[in-house]
PDB file of N, CA and C in Angstrom:
ATOM      1  N   UNK A   1       0.776  -1.227  -0.043  1.00  0.00           N
ATOM      2  CA  UNK A   1       0.181  -0.038  -0.193  1.00  0.00           C
ATOM      3  C   UNK A   1       0.951   1.297  -0.096  1.00  0.00           C
ATOM      4  N   UNK A   2       0.566   2.293  -0.720  1.00  0.00           N
ATOM      5  CA  UNK A   2       1.202   3.505  -1.059  1.00  0.00           C
ATOM      6  C   UNK A   2       0.833   4.317  -0.084  1.00  0.00           C
ATOM      7  N   UNK A   3       1.876   5.301   0.686  1.00  0.00           N
ATOM      8  CA  UNK A   3       1.632   5.985   1.903  1.00  0.00           C
ATOM      9  C   UNK A   3       1.340   7.321   1.062  1.00  0.00           C
ATOM     10  N   UNK A   4       0.104   8.112   1.431  1.00  0.00           N
ATOM     11  CA  UNK A   4      -0.370   9.418   1.035  1.00  0.00           C
ATOM     12  C   UNK A   4      -0.106  10.309   2.293  1.00  0.00           C
ATOM     13  N   UNK A   5       0.785  11.523   2.457  1.00  0.00           N
ATOM     14  CA  UNK A   5       0.846  12.229   3.610  1.00  0.00           C
ATOM     15  C   UNK A   5      -0.450  13.189   3.759  1.00  0.00           C
ATOM     16  N   UNK A   6      -1.217  13.239   2.846  1.00  0.00           N
ATOM     17  CA  UNK A   6      -2.388  13.968   3.036  1.00  0.00           C
ATOM     18  C   UNK A   6      -3.515  12.947   3.844  1.00  0.00           C
ATOM     19  N   UNK A   7      -3.205  11.922   4.082  1.00  0.00           N
ATOM     20  CA  UNK A   7      -4.000  11.075   4.999  1.00  0.00           C
ATOM     21  C   UNK A   7      -3.745  11.458   6.704  1.00  0.00           C
ATOM     22  N   UNK A   8      -2.781  12.022   6.759  1.00  0.00           N
ATOM     23  CA  UNK A   8      -2.343  12.373   8.176  1.00  0.00           C
ATOM     24  C   UNK A   8      -3.471  13.517   8.677  1.00  0.00           C
ATOM     25  N   UNK A   9      -3.702  13.701   9.857  1.00  0.00           N
ATOM     26  CA  UNK A   9      -4.421  14.605  10.391  1.00  0.00           C
ATOM     27  C   UNK A   9      -3.563  15.746  11.102  1.00  0.00           C
ATOM     28  N   UNK A  10      -3.286  17.084  10.091  1.00  0.00           N
ATOM     29  CA  UNK A  10      -2.723  18.043  10.580  1.00  0.00           C
ATOM     30  C   UNK A  10      -3.470  18.889  11.216  1.00  0.00           C
ATOM     31  N   UNK A  11      -3.115  19.788  11.872  1.00  0.00           N
ATOM     32  CA  UNK A  11      -3.473  20.894  12.811  1.00  0.00           C
ATOM     33  C   UNK A  11      -4.303  22.152  11.668  1.00  0.00           C
ATOM     34  N   UNK A  12      -4.919  22.985  12.315  1.00  0.00           N
ATOM     35  CA  UNK A  12      -5.381  24.092  11.434  1.00  0.00           C
ATOM     36  C   UNK A  12      -4.271  24.736  10.770  1.00  0.00           C
ATOM     37  N   UNK A  13      -3.013  24.932  11.332  1.00  0.00           N
ATOM     38  CA  UNK A  13      -1.739  25.394  10.810  1.00  0.00           C
ATOM     39  C   UNK A  13      -1.060  24.574   9.641  1.00  0.00           C
ATOM     40  N   UNK A  14      -1.682  23.302   9.550  1.00  0.00           N
ATOM     41  CA  UNK A  14      -1.013  22.324   8.438  1.00  0.00           C
ATOM     42  C   UNK A  14      -0.195  21.611   9.214  1.00  0.00           C
ATOM     43  N   UNK A  15       0.173  21.554  10.270  1.00  0.00           N
ATOM     44  CA  UNK A  15       1.125  20.838  11.003  1.00  0.00           C
ATOM     45  C   UNK A  15       0.871  19.684  11.893  1.00  0.00           C
ATOM     46  N   UNK A  16       1.746  18.787  12.047  1.00  0.00           N
ATOM     47  CA  UNK A  16       1.871  17.568  12.835  1.00  0.00           C
ATOM     48  C   UNK A  16       2.895  17.366  14.037  1.00  0.00           C
ATOM     49  N   UNK A  17       2.707  17.004  15.045  1.00  0.00           N
ATOM     50  CA  UNK A  17       4.031  16.699  16.004  1.00  0.00           C
ATOM     51  C   UNK A  17       4.680  15.508  15.547  1.00  0.00           C
ATOM     52  N   UNK A  18       5.881  15.812  15.683  1.00  0.00           N
ATOM     53  CA  UNK A  18       6.885  14.584  15.176  1.00  0.00           C
ATOM     54  C   UNK A  18       8.190  14.345  16.335  1.00  0.00           C
ATOM     55  N   UNK A  19       7.873  13.305  16.546  1.00  0.00           N
ATOM     56  CA  UNK A  19       8.694  13.037  17.814  1.00  0.00           C
ATOM     57  C   UNK A  19      10.004  12.288  17.259  1.00  0.00           C
ATOM     58  N   UNK A  20      11.034  12.648  17.653  1.00  0.00           N
ATOM     59  CA  UNK A  20      12.466  11.770  17.214  1.00  0.00           C
ATOM     60  C   UNK A  20      12.933  10.919  18.447  1.00  0.00           C
ATOM     61  N   UNK A  21      13.126   9.704  18.116  1.00  0.00           N
ATOM     62  CA  UNK A  21      13.439   8.895  19.244  1.00  0.00           C
ATOM     63  C   UNK A  21      14.955   7.984  18.740  1.00  0.00           C
ATOM     64  N   UNK A  22      15.927   7.923  19.670  1.00  0.00           N
ATOM     65  CA  UNK A  22      17.170   7.339  19.168  1.00  0.00           C
ATOM     66  C   UNK A  22      16.740   5.864  18.864  1.00  0.00           C
ATOM     67  N   UNK A  23      17.043   5.489  17.793  1.00  0.00           N
ATOM     68  CA  UNK A  23      16.915   4.178  17.226  1.00  0.00           C
ATOM     69  C   UNK A  23      17.582   3.054  17.940  1.00  0.00           C
ATOM     70  N   UNK A  24      18.780   3.209  18.554  1.00  0.00           N
ATOM     71  CA  UNK A  24      19.385   2.189  19.470  1.00  0.00           C
ATOM     72  C   UNK A  24      19.115   2.188  20.588  1.00  0.00           C
ATOM     73  N   UNK A  25      18.923   3.308  21.446  1.00  0.00           N
ATOM     74  CA  UNK A  25      18.599   3.424  22.752  1.00  0.00           C
ATOM     75  C   UNK A  25      17.050   3.611  23.313  1.00  0.00           C
ATOM     76  N   UNK A  26      16.323   4.039  22.352  1.00  0.00           N
ATOM     77  CA  UNK A  26      15.028   4.487  22.606  1.00  0.00           C
ATOM     78  C   UNK A  26      14.821   5.561  23.258  1.00  0.00           C
ATOM     79  N   UNK A  27      15.769   6.442  23.708  1.00  0.00           N
ATOM     80  CA  UNK A  27      15.564   7.687  24.233  1.00  0.00           C
ATOM     81  C   UNK A  27      14.763   8.372  23.256  1.00  0.00           C
ATOM     82  N   UNK A  28      13.901   9.139  23.721  1.00  0.00           N
ATOM     83  CA  UNK A  28      13.168  10.198  23.195  1.00  0.00           C
ATOM     84  C   UNK A  28      14.122  11.569  23.240  1.00  0.00           C
ATOM     85  N   UNK A  29      14.181  11.981  21.962  1.00  0.00           N
ATOM     86  CA  UNK A  29      15.360  13.249  21.881  1.00  0.00           C
ATOM     87  C   UNK A  29      14.695  14.367  21.693  1.00  0.00           C
ATOM     88  N   UNK A  30      13.635  14.605  21.026  1.00  0.00           N
ATOM     89  CA  UNK A  30      13.116  15.976  20.746  1.00  0.00           C
ATOM     90  C   UNK A  30      11.576  15.600  19.950  1.00  0.00           C
ATOM     91  N   UNK A  31      10.890  16.675  20.109  1.00  0.00           N
ATOM     92  CA  UNK A  31       9.516  17.066  19.385  1.00  0.00           C
ATOM     93  C   UNK A  31       9.703  18.215  18.620  1.00  0.00           C
ATOM     94  N   UNK A  32       9.266  18.139  17.328  1.00  0.00           N
ATOM     95  CA  UNK A  32       9.295  19.214  16.512  1.00  0.00           C
ATOM     96  C   UNK A  32       8.011  19.140  15.529  1.00  0.00           C
ATOM     97  N   UNK A  33       7.727  19.992  14.722  1.00  0.00           N
ATOM     98  CA  UNK A  33       6.642  20.134  13.903  1.00  0.00           C
ATOM     99  C   UNK A  33       7.084  19.859  12.202  1.00  0.00           C
ATOM    100  N   UNK A  34       6.103  19.123  11.672  1.00  0.00           N
ATOM    101  CA  UNK A  34       6.299  18.732  10.140  1.00  0.00           C
ATOM    102  C   UNK A  34       4.932  19.206   9.565  1.00  0.00           C
ATOM    103  N   UNK A  35       5.207  19.559   8.261  1.00  0.00           N
ATOM    104  CA  UNK A  35       3.933  19.544   7.119  1.00  0.00           C
ATOM    105  C   UNK A  35       3.990  18.513   6.382  1.00  0.00           C
ATOM    106  N   UNK A  36       3.170  18.504   5.520  1.00  0.00           N
ATOM    107  CA  UNK A  36       3.101  17.534   4.551  1.00  0.00           C
ATOM    108  C   UNK A  36       4.234  17.527   3.583  1.00  0.00           C
ATOM    109  N   UNK A  37       4.771  18.687   3.163  1.00  0.00           N
ATOM    110  CA  UNK A  37       6.136  18.690   2.252  1.00  0.00           C
ATOM    111  C   UNK A  37       7.288  18.340   3.391  1.00  0.00           C
ATOM    112  N   UNK A  38       7.482  18.450   4.700  1.00  0.00           N
ATOM    113  CA  UNK A  38       8.514  18.136   5.472  1.00  0.00           C
ATOM    114  C   UNK A  38       8.555  16.341   5.716  1.00  0.00           C
ATOM    115  N   UNK A  39       7.162  15.827   5.830  1.00  0.00           N
ATOM    116  CA  UNK A  39       7.023  14.332   5.958  1.00  0.00           C
ATOM    117  C   UNK A  39       7.405  14.013   4.098  1.00  0.00           C
ATOM    118  N   UNK A  40       7.017  14.098   3.337  1.00  0.00           N
ATOM    119  CA  UNK A  40       7.441  14.006   2.157  1.00  0.00           C
ATOM    120  C   UNK A  40       9.045  13.925   1.865  1.00  0.00           C
ATOM    121  N   UNK A  41       9.821  15.363   2.186  1.00  0.00           N
ATOM    122  CA  UNK A  41      11.154  15.180   2.141  1.00  0.00           C
ATOM    123  C   UNK A  41      11.895  14.151   2.892  1.00  0.00           C
ATOM    124  N   UNK A  42      11.333  13.993   4.173  1.00  0.00           N
ATOM    125  CA  UNK A  42      11.995  13.104   5.050  1.00  0.00           C
ATOM    126  C   UNK A  42      12.133  11.859   4.672  1.00  0.00           C
ATOM    127  N   UNK A  43      10.703  11.164   3.836  1.00  0.00           N
ATOM    128  CA  UNK A  43      11.018   9.915   3.537  1.00  0.00           C
ATOM    129  C   UNK A  43      11.745   9.626   2.290  1.00  0.00           C
ATOM    130  N   UNK A  44      11.757  10.949   1.351  1.00  0.00           N
ATOM    131  CA  UNK A  44      12.689  10.589   0.295  1.00  0.00           C
ATOM    132  C   UNK A  44      13.934  10.677   0.592  1.00  0.00           C
ATOM    133  N   UNK A  45      14.504  11.431   1.375  1.00  0.00           N
ATOM    134  CA  UNK A  45      15.914  11.678   1.535  1.00  0.00           C
ATOM    135  C   UNK A  45      16.555  10.610   2.779  1.00  0.00           C
ATOM    136  N   UNK A  46      15.659  10.380   3.556  1.00  0.00           N
ATOM    137  CA  UNK A  46      16.089   9.852   5.240  1.00  0.00           C
ATOM    138  C   UNK A  46      16.784  10.873   5.690  1.00  0.00           C
ATOM    139  N   UNK A  47      16.690  11.948   5.515  1.00  0.00           N
ATOM    140  CA  UNK A  47      17.385  13.190   6.454  1.00  0.00           C
ATOM    141  C   UNK A  47      15.992  13.743   6.804  1.00  0.00           C
ATOM    142  N   UNK A  48      15.967  13.818   8.334  1.00  0.00           N
ATOM    143  CA  UNK A  48      14.760  14.369   9.083  1.00  0.00           C
ATOM    144  C   UNK A  48      14.758  15.914   8.695  1.00  0.00           C
ATOM    145  N   UNK A  49      13.355  16.314   8.042  1.00  0.00           N
ATOM    146  CA  UNK A  49      13.212  17.283   7.841  1.00  0.00           C
ATOM    147  C   UNK A  49      12.040  18.040   8.570  1.00  0.00           C
ATOM    148  N   UNK A  50      12.115  19.249   9.334  1.00  0.00           N
ATOM    149  CA  UNK A  50      10.977  19.987   9.933  1.00  0.00           C
ATOM    150  C   UNK A  50      10.444  20.961   9.447  1.00  0.00           C
ATOM    151  N   UNK A  51       9.345  21.723   9.855  1.00  0.00           N
ATOM    152  CA  UNK A  51       8.816  22.891   9.619  1.00  0.00           C
ATOM    153  C   UNK A  51       9.259  24.055  10.611  1.00  0.00           C
ATOM    154  N   UNK A  52       9.965  24.932  10.408  1.00  0.00           N
ATOM    155  CA  UNK A  52      10.290  25.943  11.554  1.00  0.00           C
ATOM    156  C   UNK A  52       9.135  26.741  11.595  1.00  0.00           C
ATOM    157  N   UNK A  53       8.410  26.885  12.868  1.00  0.00           N
ATOM    158  CA  UNK A  53       7.360  27.866  13.002  1.00  0.00           C
ATOM    159  C   UNK A  53       7.758  29.133  13.126  1.00  0.00           C
ATOM    160  N   UNK A  54       8.850  29.571  13.795  1.00  0.00           N
ATOM    161  CA  UNK A  54       9.330  30.694  14.010  1.00  0.00           C
ATOM    162  C   UNK A  54       9.930  31.332  12.820  1.00  0.00           C
ATOM    163  N   UNK A  55      10.534  30.616  11.937  1.00  0.00           N
ATOM    164  CA  UNK A  55      11.284  31.024  10.536  1.00  0.00           C
ATOM    165  C   UNK A  55      10.477  30.991   9.456  1.00  0.00           C
ATOM    166  N   UNK A  56       9.401  29.977   9.606  1.00  0.00           N
ATOM    167  CA  UNK A  56       8.403  29.949   8.509  1.00  0.00           C
ATOM    168  C   UNK A  56       9.113  29.118   7.297  1.00  0.00           C
ATOM    169  N   UNK A  57       9.879  28.168   7.422  1.00  0.00           N
ATOM    170  CA  UNK A  57      10.953  27.526   6.579  1.00  0.00           C
ATOM    171  C   UNK A  57      11.299  26.199   6.974  1.00  0.00           C
ATOM    172  N   UNK A  58      11.675  25.116   5.891  1.00  0.00           N
ATOM    173  CA  UNK A  58      12.196  23.952   6.286  1.00  0.00           C
ATOM    174  C   UNK A  58      13.476  23.929   6.904  1.00  0.00           C
ATOM    175  N   UNK A  59      13.671  23.199   7.725  1.00  0.00           N
ATOM    176  CA  UNK A  59      15.130  22.935   8.205  1.00  0.00           C
ATOM    177  C   UNK A  59      15.344  21.477   8.362  1.00  0.00           C
ATOM    178  N   UNK A  60      16.542  21.196   7.559  1.00  0.00           N
ATOM    179  CA  UNK A  60      17.168  19.673   7.626  1.00  0.00           C
ATOM    180  C   UNK A  60      17.665  19.550   9.032  1.00  0.00           C
ATOM    181  N   UNK A  61      17.390  18.594   9.855  1.00  0.00           N
ATOM    182  CA  UNK A  61      18.195  18.794  11.139  1.00  0.00           C
ATOM    183  C   UNK A  61      19.815  18.501  10.912  1.00  0.00           C
ATOM    184  N   UNK A  62      20.483  19.317  11.598  1.00  0.00           N
ATOM    185  CA  UNK A  62      22.023  19.211  11.317  1.00  0.00           C
ATOM    186  C   UNK A  62      22.559  19.864  10.051  1.00  0.00           C
ATOM    187  N   UNK A  63      21.611  20.556   9.262  1.00  0.00           N
ATOM    188  CA  UNK A  63      22.185  21.007   8.043  1.00  0.00           C
ATOM    189  C   UNK A  63      23.472  22.248   8.328  1.00  0.00           C
ATOM    190  N   UNK A  64      23.037  22.912   9.475  1.00  0.00           N
ATOM    191  CA  UNK A  64      24.312  24.067   9.647  1.00  0.00           C
ATOM    192  C   UNK A  64      25.007  23.540  11.097  1.00  0.00           C
ATOM    193  N   UNK A  65      24.294  22.784  12.037  1.00  0.00           N
ATOM    194  CA  UNK A  65      24.999  22.401  13.131  1.00  0.00           C
ATOM    195  C   UNK A  65      25.930  21.301  12.952  1.00  0.00           C
ATOM    196  N   UNK A  66      25.528  19.969  12.182  1.00  0.00           N
ATOM    197  CA  UNK A  66      26.089  18.980  11.821  1.00  0.00           C
ATOM    198  C   UNK A  66      25.617  17.802  13.066  1.00  0.00           C
ATOM    199  N   UNK A  67      24.807  18.232  13.654  1.00  0.00           N
ATOM    200  CA  UNK A  67      23.883  17.295  14.542  1.00  0.00           C
ATOM    201  C   UNK A  67      22.696  16.684  13.674  1.00  0.00           C
ATOM    202  N   UNK A  68      23.009  15.924  12.957  1.00  0.00           N
ATOM    203  CA  UNK A  68      21.992  15.124  11.889  1.00  0.00           C
ATOM    204  C   UNK A  68      21.101  14.074  12.786  1.00  0.00           C
ATOM    205  N   UNK A  69      20.195  13.852  12.065  1.00  0.00           N
ATOM    206  CA  UNK A  69      19.119  12.743  12.434  1.00  0.00           C
ATOM    207  C   UNK A  69      18.841  12.124  10.940  1.00  0.00           C
ATOM    208  N   UNK A  70      19.362  10.867  11.030  1.00  0.00           N
ATOM    209  CA  UNK A  70      18.984   9.967   9.633  1.00  0.00           C
ATOM    210  C   UNK A  70      17.860   9.070  10.135  1.00  0.00           C
ATOM    211  N   UNK A  71      16.850   8.943   9.203  1.00  0.00           N
ATOM    212  CA  UNK A  71      15.419   8.282   9.491  1.00  0.00           C
ATOM    213  C   UNK A  71      15.974   6.808   9.621  1.00  0.00           C
ATOM    214  N   UNK A  72      15.268   6.053  10.446  1.00  0.00           N
ATOM    215  CA  UNK A  72      15.572   4.582  10.373  1.00  0.00           C
ATOM    216  C   UNK A  72      14.179   3.893  10.296  1.00  0.00           C
ATOM    217  N   UNK A  73      13.103   4.387  11.023  1.00  0.00           N
ATOM    218  CA  UNK A  73      11.887   4.051  10.951  1.00  0.00           C
ATOM    219  C   UNK A  73      11.067   5.179  11.221  1.00  0.00           C
ATOM    220  N   UNK A  74       9.820   5.261  10.455  1.00  0.00           N
ATOM    221  CA  UNK A  74       8.786   6.126  10.351  1.00  0.00           C
ATOM    222  C   UNK A  74       7.351   5.650  10.545  1.00  0.00           C
ATOM    223  N   UNK A  75       6.794   6.143  12.012  1.00  0.00           N
ATOM    224  CA  UNK A  75       5.450   5.413  12.454  1.00  0.00           C
ATOM    225  C   UNK A  75       4.359   6.701  12.582  1.00  0.00           C
ATOM    226  N   UNK A  76       3.368   6.212  12.340  1.00  0.00           N
ATOM    227  CA  UNK A  76       2.146   7.034  12.860  1.00  0.00           C
ATOM    228  C   UNK A  76       1.401   6.502  13.469  1.00  0.00           C
ATOM    229  N   UNK A  77       0.791   7.294  14.418  1.00  0.00           N
ATOM    230  CA  UNK A  77      -0.032   6.890  15.565  1.00  0.00           C
ATOM    231  C   UNK A  77      -1.377   6.316  15.171  1.00  0.00           C
ATOM    232  N   UNK A  78      -2.088   5.744  16.007  1.00  0.00           N
ATOM    233  CA  UNK A  78      -3.589   5.289  15.572  1.00  0.00           C
ATOM    234  C   UNK A  78      -4.355   6.452  15.249  1.00  0.00           C
ATOM    235  N   UNK A  79      -4.301   7.594  15.813  1.00  0.00           N
ATOM    236  CA  UNK A  79      -5.275   8.510  15.231  1.00  0.00           C
ATOM    237  C   UNK A  79      -4.669   9.386  14.110  1.00  0.00           C
ATOM    238  N   UNK A  80      -3.660   8.966  13.709  1.00  0.00           N
ATOM    239  CA  UNK A  80      -2.734   9.575  12.564  1.00  0.00           C
ATOM    240  C   UNK A  80      -2.526  11.007  12.639  1.00  0.00           C
ATOM    241  N   UNK A  81      -2.596  11.393  13.868  1.00  0.00           N
ATOM    242  CA  UNK A  81      -2.282  12.834  14.407  1.00  0.00           C
ATOM    243  C   UNK A  81      -1.017  12.950  15.068  1.00  0.00           C
ATOM    244  N   UNK A  82       0.064  12.249  14.994  1.00  0.00           N
ATOM    245  CA  UNK A  82       1.534  12.270  15.472  1.00  0.00           C
ATOM    246  C   UNK A  82       2.313  11.299  14.614  1.00  0.00           C
ATOM    247  N   UNK A  83       3.622  11.711  14.685  1.00  0.00           N
ATOM    248  CA  UNK A  83       4.387  10.972  14.002  1.00  0.00           C
ATOM    249  C   UNK A  83       5.778  10.542  15.178  1.00  0.00           C
ATOM    250  N   UNK A  84       6.086   9.473  15.035  1.00  0.00           N
ATOM    251  CA  UNK A  84       7.402   8.760  15.595  1.00  0.00           C
ATOM    252  C   UNK A  84       8.254   8.443  14.717  1.00  0.00           C
ATOM    253  N   UNK A  85       9.476   8.934  14.855  1.00  0.00           N
ATOM    254  CA  UNK A  85      10.635   8.571  14.133  1.00  0.00           C
ATOM    255  C   UNK A  85      11.661   8.033  14.959  1.00  0.00           C
ATOM    256  N   UNK A  86      12.132   6.864  14.367  1.00  0.00           N
ATOM    257  CA  UNK A  86      13.269   6.237  15.039  1.00  0.00           C
ATOM    258  C   UNK A  86      14.633   6.767  14.413  1.00  0.00           C
ATOM    259  N   UNK A  87      15.578   7.432  14.652  1.00  0.00           N
ATOM    260  CA  UNK A  87      16.500   8.091  14.175  1.00  0.00           C
ATOM    261  C   UNK A  87      17.837   7.446  14.540  1.00  0.00           C
ATOM    262  N   UNK A  88      18.957   7.617  13.522  1.00  0.00           N
ATOM    263  CA  UNK A  88      20.313   7.857  14.194  1.00  0.00           C
ATOM    264  C   UNK A  88      20.874   9.095  14.456  1.00  0.00           C
ATOM    265  N   UNK A  89      21.018   9.637  15.524  1.00  0.00           N
ATOM    266  CA  UNK A  89      21.331  10.904  16.064  1.00  0.00           C
ATOM    267  C   UNK A  89      22.938  11.225  16.178  1.00  0.00           C
ATOM    268  N   UNK A  90      23.348  12.103  15.409  1.00  0.00           N
ATOM    269  CA  UNK A  90      24.695  12.439  15.553  1.00  0.00           C
ATOM    270  C   UNK A  90      24.901  13.770  16.363  1.00  0.00           C
ATOM    271  N   UNK A  91      25.652  13.754  17.393  1.00  0.00           N
ATOM    272  CA  UNK A  91      25.496  15.103  18.084  1.00  0.00           C
ATOM    273  C   UNK A  91      24.334  15.234  19.115  1.00  0.00           C
ATOM    274  N   UNK A  92      24.048  16.385  19.128  1.00  0.00           N
ATOM    275  CA  UNK A  92      23.013  16.947  20.069  1.00  0.00           C
ATOM    276  C   UNK A  92      21.958  17.251  19.362  1.00  0.00           C
ATOM    277  N   UNK A  93      20.759  16.625  19.872  1.00  0.00           N
ATOM    278  CA  UNK A  93      19.168  16.852  19.435  1.00  0.00           C
ATOM    279  C   UNK A  93      18.823  18.076  19.846  1.00  0.00           C
ATOM    280  N   UNK A  94      19.179  18.689  20.724  1.00  0.00           N
ATOM    281  CA  UNK A  94      18.614  19.794  21.566  1.00  0.00           C
ATOM    282  C   UNK A  94      19.417  21.027  20.916  1.00  0.00           C
ATOM    283  N   UNK A  95      18.489  22.151  20.612  1.00  0.00           N
ATOM    284  CA  UNK A  95      19.421  23.500  20.279  1.00  0.00           C
ATOM    285  C   UNK A  95      20.296  23.893  21.423  1.00  0.00           C
ATOM    286  N   UNK A  96      20.012  23.371  22.473  1.00  0.00           N
ATOM    287  CA  UNK A  96      20.840  23.901  23.930  1.00  0.00           C
ATOM    288  C   UNK A  96      22.123  23.219  23.941  1.00  0.00           C
ATOM    289  N   UNK A  97      22.541  22.089  23.040  1.00  0.00           N
ATOM    290  CA  UNK A  97      23.562  21.518  23.061  1.00  0.00           C
ATOM    291  C   UNK A  97      23.735  20.129  23.542  1.00  0.00           C
ATOM    292  N   UNK A  98      22.550  19.761  24.390  1.00  0.00           N
ATOM    293  CA  UNK A  98      22.182  18.580  24.958  1.00  0.00           C
ATOM    294  C   UNK A  98      21.851  17.476  24.015  1.00  0.00           C
ATOM    295  N   UNK A  99      21.897  16.345  24.411  1.00  0.00           N
ATOM    296  CA  UNK A  99      21.495  14.941  23.723  1.00  0.00           C
ATOM    297  C   UNK A  99      19.942  15.077  23.518  1.00  0.00           C
ATOM    298  N   UNK A 100      19.316  15.366  24.420  1.00  0.00           N
ATOM    299  CA  UNK A 100      17.821  15.299  24.539  1.00  0.00           C
ATOM    300  C   UNK A 100      17.226  16.864  24.742  1.00  0.00           C
ATOM    301  N   UNK A 101      16.110  17.066  24.318  1.00  0.00           N
ATOM    302  CA  UNK A 101      15.539  18.309  24.852  1.00  0.00           C
ATOM    303  C   UNK A 101      14.691  18.101  26.070  1.00  0.00           C
ATOM    304  N   UNK A 102      14.473  16.658  26.441  1.00  0.00           N
ATOM    305  CA  UNK A 102      13.775  16.429  27.861  1.00  0.00           C
ATOM    306  C   UNK A 102      14.816  16.190  28.963  1.00  0.00           C
ATOM    307  N   UNK A 103      15.236  17.371  29.633  1.00  0.00           N
ATOM    308  CA  UNK A 103      16.289  17.318  30.624  1.00  0.00           C
ATOM    309  C   UNK A 103      15.793  17.808  31.714  1.00  0.00           C
ATOM    310  N   UNK A 104      14.337  18.626  31.977  1.00  0.00           N
ATOM    311  CA  UNK A 104      13.791  19.255  33.093  1.00  0.00           C
ATOM    312  C   UNK A 104      12.828  18.268  33.515  1.00  0.00           C
ATOM    313  N   UNK A 105      12.884  17.860  34.734  1.00  0.00           N
ATOM    314  CA  UNK A 105      12.034  17.160  35.441  1.00  0.00           C
ATOM    315  C   UNK A 105      11.230  17.743  36.656  1.00  0.00           C
ATOM    316  N   UNK A 106       9.855  17.207  36.543  1.00  0.00           N
ATOM    317  CA  UNK A 106       9.115  17.826  37.590  1.00  0.00           C
ATOM    318  C   UNK A 106       8.913  16.861  38.677  1.00  0.00           C
ATOM    319  N   UNK A 107       9.217  16.921  39.731  1.00  0.00           N
ATOM    320  CA  UNK A 107       9.117  15.725  40.833  1.00  0.00           C
ATOM    321  C   UNK A 107       8.611  16.537  42.256  1.00  0.00           C
ATOM    322  N   UNK A 108       7.487  15.977  42.814  1.00  0.00           N
ATOM    323  CA  UNK A 108       6.938  16.515  43.838  1.00  0.00           C
ATOM    324  C   UNK A 108       6.709  18.014  43.782  1.00  0.00           C
ATOM    325  N   UNK A 109       6.271  18.317  42.762  1.00  0.00           N
ATOM    326  CA  UNK A 109       5.938  19.996  42.566  1.00  0.00           C
ATOM    327  C   UNK A 109       7.080  20.595  42.339  1.00  0.00           C
ATOM    328  N   UNK A 110       8.359  20.216  42.231  1.00  0.00           N
ATOM    329  CA  UNK A 110       9.599  21.037  41.920  1.00  0.00           C
ATOM    330  C   UNK A 110       9.985  20.633  40.872  1.00  0.00           C
ATOM    331  N   UNK A 111      10.802  21.605  40.076  1.00  0.00           N
ATOM    332  CA  UNK A 111      11.501  21.671  38.957  1.00  0.00           C
ATOM    333  C   UNK A 111      13.060  21.364  39.165  1.00  0.00           C
ATOM    334  N   UNK A 112      13.731  20.430  38.493  1.00  0.00           N
ATOM    335  CA  UNK A 112      15.015  20.234  38.362  1.00  0.00           C
ATOM    336  C   UNK A 112      15.451  20.135  37.017  1.00  0.00           C
ATOM    337  N   UNK A 113      16.633  20.581  36.899  1.00  0.00           N
ATOM    338  CA  UNK A 113      17.445  20.417  35.643  1.00  0.00           C
ATOM    339  C   UNK A 113      18.343  18.926  35.799  1.00  0.00           C
ATOM    340  N   UNK A 114      18.115  18.114  35.071  1.00  0.00           N
ATOM    341  CA  UNK A 114      19.050  16.937  35.097  1.00  0.00           C
ATOM    342  C   UNK A 114      20.417  16.971  34.907  1.00  0.00           C
ATOM    343  N   UNK A 115      21.346  16.245  35.417  1.00  0.00           N
ATOM    344  CA  UNK A 115      22.654  16.414  34.788  1.00  0.00           C
ATOM    345  C   UNK A 115      22.708  15.553  33.349  1.00  0.00           C
ATOM    346  N   UNK A 116      23.522  15.915  32.880  1.00  0.00           N
ATOM    347  CA  UNK A 116      23.810  15.872  31.229  1.00  0.00           C
ATOM    348  C   UNK A 116      24.503  14.444  31.421  1.00  0.00           C
ATOM    349  N   UNK A 117      24.112  13.609  30.846  1.00  0.00           N
ATOM    350  CA  UNK A 117      24.765  12.096  30.774  1.00  0.00           C
ATOM    351  C   UNK A 117      25.905  12.014  29.786  1.00  0.00           C
ATOM    352  N   UNK A 118      26.839  11.292  30.185  1.00  0.00           N
ATOM    353  CA  UNK A 118      27.889  11.059  28.965  1.00  0.00           C
ATOM    354  C   UNK A 118      27.350  10.930  27.761  1.00  0.00           C
ATOM    355  N   UNK A 119      27.403  11.506  26.680  1.00  0.00           N
ATOM    356  CA  UNK A 119      26.948  11.100  25.364  1.00  0.00           C
ATOM    357  C   UNK A 119      27.365  10.132  24.770  1.00  0.00           C
ATOM    358  N   UNK A 120      26.673   9.110  24.127  1.00  0.00           N
ATOM    359  CA  UNK A 120      27.368   8.174  23.463  1.00  0.00           C
ATOM    360  C   UNK A 120      27.918   8.519  21.866  1.00  0.00           C
ATOM    361  N   UNK A 121      28.981   8.034  21.728  1.00  0.00           N
ATOM    362  CA  UNK A 121      29.528   8.356  20.581  1.00  0.00           C
ATOM    363  C   UNK A 121      28.867   7.763  19.355  1.00  0.00           C
ATOM    364  N   UNK A 122      28.576   8.845  18.471  1.00  0.00           N
ATOM    365  CA  UNK A 122      27.916   8.442  17.069  1.00  0.00           C
ATOM    366  C   UNK A 122      28.658   9.132  16.162  1.00  0.00           C
TER     367      UNK A 122
END
């Protein structure tokens, strides 16, 4: 069966959340937005491409930083309104320079920044 990106449920701005997960460790790295064209470009090139809401342009992860994401697996949730991508991450996934964007923990009503783990070599 051929995949048609128009079958996805995009929001009113034509966007869908896309979660990047490390293909080896299962670690959740980041969430960003895609539109239909970003989905198409990602599947065609295997280089993860997002839509920047602030800049209103496409960005291929790592094109300027070198912190690339190569697509390994592309999945759609049961409601077709969220994407999960397993990727090979080279370098940091987060714009802060951390491996993952999910480093702030809320525990017992308090917020804490988790210590950065040793980065796996990639």
